[in-house]
Amino acid sequence: MTIDIKPLVKLMKKRDLKGARDWLEANRGKIDPNDEFARGYLLALQGMVSALESGGELAAINKVLEKKYSGEQIAEIISETRSRIAQKFRPADERGFNTAWVDILSELSVKNPED
């Protein structure tokens, strides 16, 4: 599974919810429905976009985008999530879900001059 999430992250940063939803729909076909890891990954992305659409202030993605977490806190979340991913007993869909979070948080942590 190879999906470039950078466009999605840019849309999320801009709070372009229609663009983010459109990106998800356009990339849904790139996911093998029989691949549990990929289904978990997509589920996490869908959940993030849904949380943005609902505007729930307690949703983690909203807190991250509103900079309610420090860089250190985000780094700790990434570290803890990577530890869960490394646990072989975890189901593939859960590892995919957690990998999506690591990928999104890592990308959000990158300083881009155009942002």
PDB file of N, CA and C in Angstrom:
ATOM      1  N   MET A   1       0.846  -1.180   0.000  1.00  0.00           N
ATOM      2  CA  MET A   1       0.000   0.000   0.000  1.00  0.00           C
ATOM      3  C   MET A   1       0.889   1.239   0.000  1.00  0.00           C
ATOM      4  N   THR A   2       0.733   2.042  -1.019  1.00  0.00           N
ATOM      5  CA  THR A   2       1.501   3.278  -1.096  1.00  0.00           C
ATOM      6  C   THR A   2       0.538   4.427  -1.391  1.00  0.00           C
ATOM      7  N   ILE A   3       0.362   5.263  -0.400  1.00  0.00           N
ATOM      8  CA  ILE A   3      -0.489   6.439  -0.560  1.00  0.00           C
ATOM      9  C   ILE A   3       0.294   7.638  -0.059  1.00  0.00           C
ATOM     10  N   ASP A   4       0.317   8.679  -0.881  1.00  0.00           N
ATOM     11  CA  ASP A   4       0.973   9.924  -0.480  1.00  0.00           C
ATOM     12  C   ASP A   4      -0.033  10.736   0.339  1.00  0.00           C
ATOM     13  N   ILE A   5       0.201  10.832   1.641  1.00  0.00           N
ATOM     14  CA  ILE A   5      -0.744  11.534   2.515  1.00  0.00           C
ATOM     15  C   ILE A   5      -0.467  13.032   2.617  1.00  0.00           C
ATOM     16  N   LYS A   6       0.627  13.498   2.006  1.00  0.00           N
ATOM     17  CA  LYS A   6       0.957  14.921   2.108  1.00  0.00           C
ATOM     18  C   LYS A   6      -0.181  15.822   1.628  1.00  0.00           C
ATOM     19  N   PRO A   7      -0.842  15.500   0.500  1.00  0.00           N
ATOM     20  CA  PRO A   7      -1.964  16.357   0.093  1.00  0.00           C
ATOM     21  C   PRO A   7      -3.093  16.372   1.127  1.00  0.00           C
ATOM     22  N   LEU A   8      -3.363  15.227   1.740  1.00  0.00           N
ATOM     23  CA  LEU A   8      -4.408  15.171   2.766  1.00  0.00           C
ATOM     24  C   LEU A   8      -4.029  16.035   3.963  1.00  0.00           C
ATOM     25  N   VAL A   9      -2.787  15.964   4.383  1.00  0.00           N
ATOM     26  CA  VAL A   9      -2.333  16.756   5.527  1.00  0.00           C
ATOM     27  C   VAL A   9      -2.481  18.247   5.220  1.00  0.00           C
ATOM     28  N   LYS A  10      -2.111  18.659   4.020  1.00  0.00           N
ATOM     29  CA  LYS A  10      -2.255  20.076   3.643  1.00  0.00           C
ATOM     30  C   LYS A  10      -3.722  20.498   3.704  1.00  0.00           C
ATOM     31  N   LEU A  11      -4.606  19.639   3.209  1.00  0.00           N
ATOM     32  CA  LEU A  11      -6.042  19.949   3.238  1.00  0.00           C
ATOM     33  C   LEU A  11      -6.544  20.030   4.675  1.00  0.00           C
ATOM     34  N   MET A  12      -6.065  19.133   5.514  1.00  0.00           N
ATOM     35  CA  MET A  12      -6.480  19.149   6.915  1.00  0.00           C
ATOM     36  C   MET A  12      -5.993  20.415   7.614  1.00  0.00           C
ATOM     37  N   LYS A  13      -4.760  20.807   7.347  1.00  0.00           N
ATOM     38  CA  LYS A  13      -4.217  22.030   7.950  1.00  0.00           C
ATOM     39  C   LYS A  13      -5.042  23.250   7.549  1.00  0.00           C
ATOM     40  N   LYS A  14      -5.505  23.267   6.295  1.00  0.00           N
ATOM     41  CA  LYS A  14      -6.304  24.385   5.799  1.00  0.00           C
ATOM     42  C   LYS A  14      -7.759  24.287   6.233  1.00  0.00           C
ATOM     43  N   ARG A  15      -8.096  23.153   6.873  1.00  0.00           N
ATOM     44  CA  ARG A  15      -9.488  22.879   7.254  1.00  0.00           C
ATOM     45  C   ARG A  15     -10.391  22.828   6.016  1.00  0.00           C
ATOM     46  N   ASP A  16      -9.823  22.343   4.910  1.00  0.00           N
ATOM     47  CA  ASP A  16     -10.577  22.145   3.671  1.00  0.00           C
ATOM     48  C   ASP A  16     -11.240  20.770   3.760  1.00  0.00           C
ATOM     49  N   LEU A  17     -12.401  20.730   4.397  1.00  0.00           N
ATOM     50  CA  LEU A  17     -13.065  19.464   4.673  1.00  0.00           C
ATOM     51  C   LEU A  17     -13.578  18.791   3.410  1.00  0.00           C
ATOM     52  N   LYS A  18     -14.091  19.575   2.479  1.00  0.00           N
ATOM     53  CA  LYS A  18     -14.552  18.994   1.213  1.00  0.00           C
ATOM     54  C   LYS A  18     -13.373  18.397   0.457  1.00  0.00           C
ATOM     55  N   GLY A  19     -12.268  19.119   0.411  1.00  0.00           N
ATOM     56  CA  GLY A  19     -11.068  18.616  -0.262  1.00  0.00           C
ATOM     57  C   GLY A  19     -10.544  17.349   0.395  1.00  0.00           C
ATOM     58  N   ALA A  20     -10.559  17.316   1.737  1.00  0.00           N
ATOM     59  CA  ALA A  20     -10.088  16.130   2.463  1.00  0.00           C
ATOM     60  C   ALA A  20     -10.992  14.941   2.183  1.00  0.00           C
ATOM     61  N   ARG A  21     -12.299  15.162   2.185  1.00  0.00           N
ATOM     62  CA  ARG A  21     -13.256  14.080   1.897  1.00  0.00           C
ATOM     63  C   ARG A  21     -13.062  13.604   0.455  1.00  0.00           C
ATOM     64  N   ASP A  22     -12.891  14.545  -0.478  1.00  0.00           N
ATOM     65  CA  ASP A  22     -12.659  14.185  -1.887  1.00  0.00           C
ATOM     66  C   ASP A  22     -11.366  13.378  -2.032  1.00  0.00           C
ATOM     67  N   TRP A  23     -10.303  13.766  -1.300  1.00  0.00           N
ATOM     68  CA  TRP A  23      -9.045  13.037  -1.352  1.00  0.00           C
ATOM     69  C   TRP A  23      -9.246  11.599  -0.876  1.00  0.00           C
ATOM     70  N   LEU A  24     -10.003  11.447   0.220  1.00  0.00           N
ATOM     71  CA  LEU A  24     -10.273  10.104   0.733  1.00  0.00           C
ATOM     72  C   LEU A  24     -10.990   9.251  -0.300  1.00  0.00           C
ATOM     73  N   GLU A  25     -12.008   9.816  -0.919  1.00  0.00           N
ATOM     74  CA  GLU A  25     -12.774   9.071  -1.924  1.00  0.00           C
ATOM     75  C   GLU A  25     -11.898   8.698  -3.114  1.00  0.00           C
ATOM     76  N   ALA A  26     -11.050   9.615  -3.538  1.00  0.00           N
ATOM     77  CA  ALA A  26     -10.176   9.361  -4.685  1.00  0.00           C
ATOM     78  C   ALA A  26      -9.144   8.276  -4.378  1.00  0.00           C
ATOM     79  N   ASN A  27      -8.746   8.160  -3.125  1.00  0.00           N
ATOM     80  CA  ASN A  27      -7.707   7.195  -2.752  1.00  0.00           C
ATOM     81  C   ASN A  27      -8.263   5.879  -2.215  1.00  0.00           C
ATOM     82  N   ARG A  28      -9.549   5.829  -1.991  1.00  0.00           N
ATOM     83  CA  ARG A  28     -10.183   4.605  -1.477  1.00  0.00           C
ATOM     84  C   ARG A  28      -9.927   3.426  -2.432  1.00  0.00           C
ATOM     85  N   GLY A  29      -9.936   3.687  -3.723  1.00  0.00           N
ATOM     86  CA  GLY A  29      -9.721   2.634  -4.715  1.00  0.00           C
ATOM     87  C   GLY A  29      -8.317   2.070  -4.711  1.00  0.00           C
ATOM     88  N   LYS A  30      -7.374   2.762  -4.107  1.00  0.00           N
ATOM     89  CA  LYS A  30      -5.999   2.287  -4.037  1.00  0.00           C
ATOM     90  C   LYS A  30      -5.803   1.285  -2.899  1.00  0.00           C
ATOM     91  N   ILE A  31      -6.842   1.096  -2.099  1.00  0.00           N
ATOM     92  CA  ILE A  31      -6.765   0.215  -0.939  1.00  0.00           C
ATOM     93  C   ILE A  31      -7.386  -1.135  -1.306  1.00  0.00           C
ATOM     94  N   ASP A  32      -6.637  -2.186  -1.101  1.00  0.00           N
ATOM     95  CA  ASP A  32      -7.133  -3.537  -1.318  1.00  0.00           C
ATOM     96  C   ASP A  32      -8.104  -3.875  -0.187  1.00  0.00           C
ATOM     97  N   PRO A  33      -9.386  -4.108  -0.481  1.00  0.00           N
ATOM     98  CA  PRO A  33     -10.361  -4.379   0.580  1.00  0.00           C
ATOM     99  C   PRO A  33     -10.066  -5.663   1.365  1.00  0.00           C
ATOM    100  N   ASN A  34      -9.221  -6.527   0.827  1.00  0.00           N
ATOM    101  CA  ASN A  34      -8.858  -7.763   1.525  1.00  0.00           C
ATOM    102  C   ASN A  34      -7.635  -7.592   2.426  1.00  0.00           C
ATOM    103  N   ASP A  35      -7.022  -6.432   2.377  1.00  0.00           N
ATOM    104  CA  ASP A  35      -5.827  -6.149   3.169  1.00  0.00           C
ATOM    105  C   ASP A  35      -6.252  -5.495   4.486  1.00  0.00           C
ATOM    106  N   GLU A  36      -6.167  -6.254   5.572  1.00  0.00           N
ATOM    107  CA  GLU A  36      -6.619  -5.752   6.869  1.00  0.00           C
ATOM    108  C   GLU A  36      -5.823  -4.536   7.324  1.00  0.00           C
ATOM    109  N   PHE A  37      -4.514  -4.539   7.110  1.00  0.00           N
ATOM    110  CA  PHE A  37      -3.676  -3.396   7.478  1.00  0.00           C
ATOM    111  C   PHE A  37      -4.169  -2.137   6.760  1.00  0.00           C
ATOM    112  N   ALA A  38      -4.396  -2.246   5.461  1.00  0.00           N
ATOM    113  CA  ALA A  38      -4.836  -1.105   4.659  1.00  0.00           C
ATOM    114  C   ALA A  38      -6.219  -0.628   5.097  1.00  0.00           C
ATOM    115  N   ARG A  39      -7.088  -1.562   5.448  1.00  0.00           N
ATOM    116  CA  ARG A  39      -8.427  -1.163   5.918  1.00  0.00           C
ATOM    117  C   ARG A  39      -8.323  -0.380   7.221  1.00  0.00           C
ATOM    118  N   GLY A  40      -7.446  -0.805   8.124  1.00  0.00           N
ATOM    119  CA  GLY A  40      -7.242  -0.077   9.379  1.00  0.00           C
ATOM    120  C   GLY A  40      -6.676   1.306   9.134  1.00  0.00           C
ATOM    121  N   TYR A  41      -5.751   1.393   8.192  1.00  0.00           N
ATOM    122  CA  TYR A  41      -5.129   2.671   7.830  1.00  0.00           C
ATOM    123  C   TYR A  41      -6.201   3.636   7.318  1.00  0.00           C
ATOM    124  N   LEU A  42      -7.021   3.159   6.379  1.00  0.00           N
ATOM    125  CA  LEU A  42      -8.076   3.993   5.812  1.00  0.00           C
ATOM    126  C   LEU A  42      -9.104   4.381   6.866  1.00  0.00           C
ATOM    127  N   LEU A  43      -9.416   3.453   7.756  1.00  0.00           N
ATOM    128  CA  LEU A  43     -10.376   3.743   8.822  1.00  0.00           C
ATOM    129  C   LEU A  43      -9.891   4.903   9.690  1.00  0.00           C
ATOM    130  N   ALA A  44      -8.604   4.914  10.011  1.00  0.00           N
ATOM    131  CA  ALA A  44      -8.044   6.008  10.811  1.00  0.00           C
ATOM    132  C   ALA A  44      -8.158   7.335  10.066  1.00  0.00           C
ATOM    133  N   LEU A  45      -7.815   7.337   8.776  1.00  0.00           N
ATOM    134  CA  LEU A  45      -7.904   8.576   7.988  1.00  0.00           C
ATOM    135  C   LEU A  45      -9.350   9.067   7.921  1.00  0.00           C
ATOM    136  N   GLN A  46     -10.287   8.134   7.711  1.00  0.00           N
ATOM    137  CA  GLN A  46     -11.701   8.511   7.660  1.00  0.00           C
ATOM    138  C   GLN A  46     -12.147   9.096   8.996  1.00  0.00           C
ATOM    139  N   GLY A  47     -11.683   8.507  10.084  1.00  0.00           N
ATOM    140  CA  GLY A  47     -12.033   9.004  11.410  1.00  0.00           C
ATOM    141  C   GLY A  47     -11.502  10.400  11.657  1.00  0.00           C
ATOM    142  N   MET A  48     -10.293  10.656  11.189  1.00  0.00           N
ATOM    143  CA  MET A  48      -9.718  11.993  11.356  1.00  0.00           C
ATOM    144  C   MET A  48     -10.532  13.035  10.599  1.00  0.00           C
ATOM    145  N   VAL A  49     -10.883  12.718   9.363  1.00  0.00           N
ATOM    146  CA  VAL A  49     -11.660  13.664   8.554  1.00  0.00           C
ATOM    147  C   VAL A  49     -13.047  13.857   9.172  1.00  0.00           C
ATOM    148  N   SER A  50     -13.660  12.780   9.625  1.00  0.00           N
ATOM    149  CA  SER A  50     -14.970  12.893  10.276  1.00  0.00           C
ATOM    150  C   SER A  50     -14.892  13.749  11.530  1.00  0.00           C
ATOM    151  N   ALA A  51     -13.830  13.600  12.299  1.00  0.00           N
ATOM    152  CA  ALA A  51     -13.656  14.419  13.508  1.00  0.00           C
ATOM    153  C   ALA A  51     -13.508  15.890  13.149  1.00  0.00           C
ATOM    154  N   LEU A  52     -12.802  16.167  12.060  1.00  0.00           N
ATOM    155  CA  LEU A  52     -12.678  17.560  11.612  1.00  0.00           C
ATOM    156  C   LEU A  52     -14.029  18.104  11.178  1.00  0.00           C
ATOM    157  N   GLU A  53     -14.791  17.273  10.482  1.00  0.00           N
ATOM    158  CA  GLU A  53     -16.116  17.706  10.014  1.00  0.00           C
ATOM    159  C   GLU A  53     -17.058  17.991  11.178  1.00  0.00           C
ATOM    160  N   SER A  54     -16.965  17.172  12.227  1.00  0.00           N
ATOM    161  CA  SER A  54     -17.858  17.359  13.372  1.00  0.00           C
ATOM    162  C   SER A  54     -17.414  18.517  14.257  1.00  0.00           C
ATOM    163  N   GLY A  55     -16.118  18.852  14.177  1.00  0.00           N
ATOM    164  CA  GLY A  55     -15.600  19.967  14.962  1.00  0.00           C
ATOM    165  C   GLY A  55     -15.461  19.672  16.436  1.00  0.00           C
ATOM    166  N   GLY A  56     -15.528  18.411  16.817  1.00  0.00           N
ATOM    167  CA  GLY A  56     -15.422  18.044  18.235  1.00  0.00           C
ATOM    168  C   GLY A  56     -14.101  18.505  18.830  1.00  0.00           C
ATOM    169  N   GLU A  57     -14.188  19.350  19.835  1.00  0.00           N
ATOM    170  CA  GLU A  57     -12.971  19.922  20.409  1.00  0.00           C
ATOM    171  C   GLU A  57     -12.151  18.911  21.203  1.00  0.00           C
ATOM    172  N   LEU A  58     -12.732  17.774  21.538  1.00  0.00           N
ATOM    173  CA  LEU A  58     -11.989  16.750  22.261  1.00  0.00           C
ATOM    174  C   LEU A  58     -11.292  15.765  21.329  1.00  0.00           C
ATOM    175  N   ALA A  59     -11.598  15.816  20.045  1.00  0.00           N
ATOM    176  CA  ALA A  59     -10.975  14.903  19.086  1.00  0.00           C
ATOM    177  C   ALA A  59      -9.480  15.213  18.983  1.00  0.00           C
ATOM    178  N   ALA A  60      -8.675  14.165  19.020  1.00  0.00           N
ATOM    179  CA  ALA A  60      -7.214  14.332  19.020  1.00  0.00           C
ATOM    180  C   ALA A  60      -6.732  15.123  17.811  1.00  0.00           C
ATOM    181  N   ILE A  61      -7.280  14.846  16.635  1.00  0.00           N
ATOM    182  CA  ILE A  61      -6.804  15.535  15.427  1.00  0.00           C
ATOM    183  C   ILE A  61      -7.108  17.029  15.515  1.00  0.00           C
ATOM    184  N   ASN A  62      -8.240  17.380  16.077  1.00  0.00           N
ATOM    185  CA  ASN A  62      -8.553  18.802  16.249  1.00  0.00           C
ATOM    186  C   ASN A  62      -7.591  19.453  17.228  1.00  0.00           C
ATOM    187  N   LYS A  63      -7.275  18.761  18.314  1.00  0.00           N
ATOM    188  CA  LYS A  63      -6.330  19.304  19.289  1.00  0.00           C
ATOM    189  C   LYS A  63      -4.950  19.504  18.660  1.00  0.00           C
ATOM    190  N   VAL A  64      -4.536  18.557  17.833  1.00  0.00           N
ATOM    191  CA  VAL A  64      -3.228  18.673  17.174  1.00  0.00           C
ATOM    192  C   VAL A  64      -3.230  19.876  16.239  1.00  0.00           C
ATOM    193  N   LEU A  65      -4.260  20.001  15.416  1.00  0.00           N
ATOM    194  CA  LEU A  65      -4.311  21.105  14.450  1.00  0.00           C
ATOM    195  C   LEU A  65      -4.462  22.458  15.133  1.00  0.00           C
ATOM    196  N   GLU A  66      -5.078  22.470  16.291  1.00  0.00           N
ATOM    197  CA  GLU A  66      -5.236  23.722  17.039  1.00  0.00           C
ATOM    198  C   GLU A  66      -4.037  23.997  17.944  1.00  0.00           C
ATOM    199  N   LYS A  67      -3.001  23.156  17.804  1.00  0.00           N
ATOM    200  CA  LYS A  67      -1.745  23.307  18.550  1.00  0.00           C
ATOM    201  C   LYS A  67      -1.956  23.275  20.064  1.00  0.00           C
ATOM    202  N   LYS A  68      -2.863  22.396  20.497  1.00  0.00           N
ATOM    203  CA  LYS A  68      -3.090  22.217  21.935  1.00  0.00           C
ATOM    204  C   LYS A  68      -2.129  21.196  22.533  1.00  0.00           C
ATOM    205  N   TYR A  69      -1.332  20.561  21.669  1.00  0.00           N
ATOM    206  CA  TYR A  69      -0.275  19.660  22.112  1.00  0.00           C
ATOM    207  C   TYR A  69       1.054  20.295  21.738  1.00  0.00           C
ATOM    208  N   SER A  70       2.020  20.174  22.618  1.00  0.00           N
ATOM    209  CA  SER A  70       3.362  20.673  22.311  1.00  0.00           C
ATOM    210  C   SER A  70       4.051  19.685  21.370  1.00  0.00           C
ATOM    211  N   GLY A  71       5.153  20.120  20.799  1.00  0.00           N
ATOM    212  CA  GLY A  71       5.951  19.237  19.954  1.00  0.00           C
ATOM    213  C   GLY A  71       6.415  18.011  20.718  1.00  0.00           C
ATOM    214  N   GLU A  72       6.746  18.203  21.983  1.00  0.00           N
ATOM    215  CA  GLU A  72       7.188  17.089  22.818  1.00  0.00           C
ATOM    216  C   GLU A  72       6.057  16.097  23.060  1.00  0.00           C
ATOM    217  N   GLN A  73       4.853  16.612  23.280  1.00  0.00           N
ATOM    218  CA  GLN A  73       3.712  15.724  23.498  1.00  0.00           C
ATOM    219  C   GLN A  73       3.414  14.907  22.231  1.00  0.00           C
ATOM    220  N   ILE A  74       3.487  15.557  21.088  1.00  0.00           N
ATOM    221  CA  ILE A  74       3.246  14.845  19.838  1.00  0.00           C
ATOM    222  C   ILE A  74       4.326  13.794  19.618  1.00  0.00           C
ATOM    223  N   ALA A  75       5.567  14.132  19.901  1.00  0.00           N
ATOM    224  CA  ALA A  75       6.660  13.163  19.765  1.00  0.00           C
ATOM    225  C   ALA A  75       6.429  11.965  20.683  1.00  0.00           C
ATOM    226  N   GLU A  76       5.929  12.203  21.887  1.00  0.00           N
ATOM    227  CA  GLU A  76       5.640  11.113  22.826  1.00  0.00           C
ATOM    228  C   GLU A  76       4.499  10.233  22.299  1.00  0.00           C
ATOM    229  N   ILE A  77       3.469  10.848  21.749  1.00  0.00           N
ATOM    230  CA  ILE A  77       2.355  10.086  21.169  1.00  0.00           C
ATOM    231  C   ILE A  77       2.867   9.207  20.030  1.00  0.00           C
ATOM    232  N   ILE A  78       3.702   9.784  19.174  1.00  0.00           N
ATOM    233  CA  ILE A  78       4.276   9.022  18.055  1.00  0.00           C
ATOM    234  C   ILE A  78       5.091   7.851  18.587  1.00  0.00           C
ATOM    235  N   SER A  79       5.904   8.088  19.591  1.00  0.00           N
ATOM    236  CA  SER A  79       6.744   7.040  20.164  1.00  0.00           C
ATOM    237  C   SER A  79       5.899   5.906  20.753  1.00  0.00           C
ATOM    238  N   GLU A  80       4.896   6.260  21.534  1.00  0.00           N
ATOM    239  CA  GLU A  80       4.016   5.249  22.137  1.00  0.00           C
ATOM    240  C   GLU A  80       3.269   4.460  21.069  1.00  0.00           C
ATOM    241  N   THR A  81       2.828   5.151  20.028  1.00  0.00           N
ATOM    242  CA  THR A  81       2.084   4.486  18.961  1.00  0.00           C
ATOM    243  C   THR A  81       2.988   3.544  18.176  1.00  0.00           C
ATOM    244  N   ARG A  82       4.212   3.967  17.926  1.00  0.00           N
ATOM    245  CA  ARG A  82       5.173   3.083  17.252  1.00  0.00           C
ATOM    246  C   ARG A  82       5.434   1.825  18.078  1.00  0.00           C
ATOM    247  N   SER A  83       5.460   1.974  19.388  1.00  0.00           N
ATOM    248  CA  SER A  83       5.647   0.801  20.261  1.00  0.00           C
ATOM    249  C   SER A  83       4.495  -0.184  20.094  1.00  0.00           C
ATOM    250  N   ARG A  84       3.264   0.342  20.005  1.00  0.00           N
ATOM    251  CA  ARG A  84       2.107  -0.540  19.792  1.00  0.00           C
ATOM    252  C   ARG A  84       2.190  -1.230  18.434  1.00  0.00           C
ATOM    253  N   ILE A  85       2.621  -0.486  17.414  1.00  0.00           N
ATOM    254  CA  ILE A  85       2.738  -1.059  16.067  1.00  0.00           C
ATOM    255  C   ILE A  85       3.722  -2.229  16.069  1.00  0.00           C
ATOM    256  N   ALA A  86       4.779  -2.112  16.839  1.00  0.00           N
ATOM    257  CA  ALA A  86       5.827  -3.136  16.872  1.00  0.00           C
ATOM    258  C   ALA A  86       5.399  -4.414  17.594  1.00  0.00           C
ATOM    259  N   GLN A  87       4.305  -4.360  18.323  1.00  0.00           N
ATOM    260  CA  GLN A  87       3.838  -5.545  19.045  1.00  0.00           C
ATOM    261  C   GLN A  87       3.160  -6.503  18.063  1.00  0.00           C
ATOM    262  N   LYS A  88       3.806  -7.622  17.832  1.00  0.00           N
ATOM    263  CA  LYS A  88       3.368  -8.567  16.801  1.00  0.00           C
ATOM    264  C   LYS A  88       1.996  -9.181  17.087  1.00  0.00           C
ATOM    265  N   PHE A  89       1.566  -9.176  18.337  1.00  0.00           N
ATOM    266  CA  PHE A  89       0.264  -9.777  18.652  1.00  0.00           C
ATOM    267  C   PHE A  89      -0.907  -8.883  18.241  1.00  0.00           C
ATOM    268  N   ARG A  90      -0.606  -7.644  17.922  1.00  0.00           N
ATOM    269  CA  ARG A  90      -1.673  -6.722  17.512  1.00  0.00           C
ATOM    270  C   ARG A  90      -2.222  -7.146  16.145  1.00  0.00           C
ATOM    271  N   PRO A  91      -3.540  -7.069  15.953  1.00  0.00           N
ATOM    272  CA  PRO A  91      -4.109  -7.411  14.651  1.00  0.00           C
ATOM    273  C   PRO A  91      -3.632  -6.435  13.571  1.00  0.00           C
ATOM    274  N   ALA A  92      -3.634  -6.900  12.341  1.00  0.00           N
ATOM    275  CA  ALA A  92      -3.138  -6.099  11.220  1.00  0.00           C
ATOM    276  C   ALA A  92      -3.921  -4.795  11.066  1.00  0.00           C
ATOM    277  N   ASP A  93      -5.238  -4.843  11.251  1.00  0.00           N
ATOM    278  CA  ASP A  93      -6.020  -3.616  11.085  1.00  0.00           C
ATOM    279  C   ASP A  93      -5.667  -2.582  12.151  1.00  0.00           C
ATOM    280  N   GLU A  94      -5.381  -3.039  13.363  1.00  0.00           N
ATOM    281  CA  GLU A  94      -4.972  -2.120  14.433  1.00  0.00           C
ATOM    282  C   GLU A  94      -3.604  -1.512  14.132  1.00  0.00           C
ATOM    283  N   ARG A  95      -2.694  -2.334  13.611  1.00  0.00           N
ATOM    284  CA  ARG A  95      -1.373  -1.804  13.238  1.00  0.00           C
ATOM    285  C   ARG A  95      -1.519  -0.786  12.104  1.00  0.00           C
ATOM    286  N   GLY A  96      -2.424  -1.045  11.161  1.00  0.00           N
ATOM    287  CA  GLY A  96      -2.666  -0.086  10.084  1.00  0.00           C
ATOM    288  C   GLY A  96      -3.242   1.215  10.615  1.00  0.00           C
ATOM    289  N   PHE A  97      -4.192   1.101  11.526  1.00  0.00           N
ATOM    290  CA  PHE A  97      -4.809   2.276  12.146  1.00  0.00           C
ATOM    291  C   PHE A  97      -3.746   3.129  12.835  1.00  0.00           C
ATOM    292  N   ASN A  98      -2.916   2.476  13.646  1.00  0.00           N
ATOM    293  CA  ASN A  98      -1.869   3.195  14.371  1.00  0.00           C
ATOM    294  C   ASN A  98      -0.815   3.768  13.433  1.00  0.00           C
ATOM    295  N   THR A  99      -0.508   3.056  12.362  1.00  0.00           N
ATOM    296  CA  THR A  99       0.468   3.553  11.386  1.00  0.00           C
ATOM    297  C   THR A  99      -0.043   4.832  10.727  1.00  0.00           C
ATOM    298  N   ALA A 100      -1.328   4.889  10.435  1.00  0.00           N
ATOM    299  CA  ALA A 100      -1.904   6.101   9.847  1.00  0.00           C
ATOM    300  C   ALA A 100      -1.712   7.287  10.787  1.00  0.00           C
ATOM    301  N   TRP A 101      -1.932   7.058  12.079  1.00  0.00           N
ATOM    302  CA  TRP A 101      -1.746   8.137  13.054  1.00  0.00           C
ATOM    303  C   TRP A 101      -0.292   8.598  13.093  1.00  0.00           C
ATOM    304  N   VAL A 102       0.632   7.647  13.104  1.00  0.00           N
ATOM    305  CA  VAL A 102       2.055   8.010  13.116  1.00  0.00           C
ATOM    306  C   VAL A 102       2.392   8.808  11.865  1.00  0.00           C
ATOM    307  N   ASP A 103       1.909   8.355  10.711  1.00  0.00           N
ATOM    308  CA  ASP A 103       2.202   9.046   9.453  1.00  0.00           C
ATOM    309  C   ASP A 103       1.644  10.469   9.453  1.00  0.00           C
ATOM    310  N   ILE A 104       0.401  10.624   9.878  1.00  0.00           N
ATOM    311  CA  ILE A 104      -0.230  11.955   9.896  1.00  0.00           C
ATOM    312  C   ILE A 104       0.458  12.860  10.906  1.00  0.00           C
ATOM    313  N   LEU A 105       0.677  12.377  12.116  1.00  0.00           N
ATOM    314  CA  LEU A 105       1.328  13.200  13.137  1.00  0.00           C
ATOM    315  C   LEU A 105       2.749  13.566  12.734  1.00  0.00           C
ATOM    316  N   SER A 106       3.457  12.633  12.136  1.00  0.00           N
ATOM    317  CA  SER A 106       4.821  12.916  11.674  1.00  0.00           C
ATOM    318  C   SER A 106       4.803  13.995  10.600  1.00  0.00           C
ATOM    319  N   GLU A 107       3.880  13.889   9.674  1.00  0.00           N
ATOM    320  CA  GLU A 107       3.781  14.881   8.601  1.00  0.00           C
ATOM    321  C   GLU A 107       3.366  16.245   9.149  1.00  0.00           C
ATOM    322  N   LEU A 108       2.466  16.249  10.109  1.00  0.00           N
ATOM    323  CA  LEU A 108       2.042  17.519  10.727  1.00  0.00           C
ATOM    324  C   LEU A 108       3.178  18.167  11.510  1.00  0.00           C
ATOM    325  N   SER A 109       4.112  17.361  11.977  1.00  0.00           N
ATOM    326  CA  SER A 109       5.234  17.868  12.760  1.00  0.00           C
ATOM    327  C   SER A 109       6.338  18.478  11.891  1.00  0.00           C
ATOM    328  N   VAL A 110       6.294  18.183  10.608  1.00  0.00           N
ATOM    329  CA  VAL A 110       7.311  18.705   9.676  1.00  0.00           C
ATOM    330  C   VAL A 110       7.011  20.177   9.415  1.00  0.00           C
ATOM    331  N   LYS A 111       8.029  20.983   9.515  1.00  0.00           N
ATOM    332  CA  LYS A 111       7.892  22.421   9.231  1.00  0.00           C
ATOM    333  C   LYS A 111       8.015  22.643   7.731  1.00  0.00           C
ATOM    334  N   ASN A 112       6.906  23.042   7.103  1.00  0.00           N
ATOM    335  CA  ASN A 112       6.906  23.333   5.664  1.00  0.00           C
ATOM    336  C   ASN A 112       6.832  24.836   5.462  1.00  0.00           C
ATOM    337  N   PRO A 113       7.728  25.400   4.651  1.00  0.00           N
ATOM    338  CA  PRO A 113       7.743  26.855   4.462  1.00  0.00           C
ATOM    339  C   PRO A 113       6.460  27.403   3.843  1.00  0.00           C
ATOM    340  N   GLU A 114       5.751  26.575   3.044  1.00  0.00           N
ATOM    341  CA  GLU A 114       4.545  27.081   2.401  1.00  0.00           C
ATOM    342  C   GLU A 114       3.323  27.061   3.309  1.00  0.00           C
ATOM    343  N   ASP A 115       3.444  26.481   4.516  1.00  0.00           N
ATOM    344  CA  ASP A 115       2.304  26.426   5.448  1.00  0.00           C
ATOM    345  C   ASP A 115       2.205  27.693   6.254  1.00  0.00           C
TER     346      ASP A 115
END
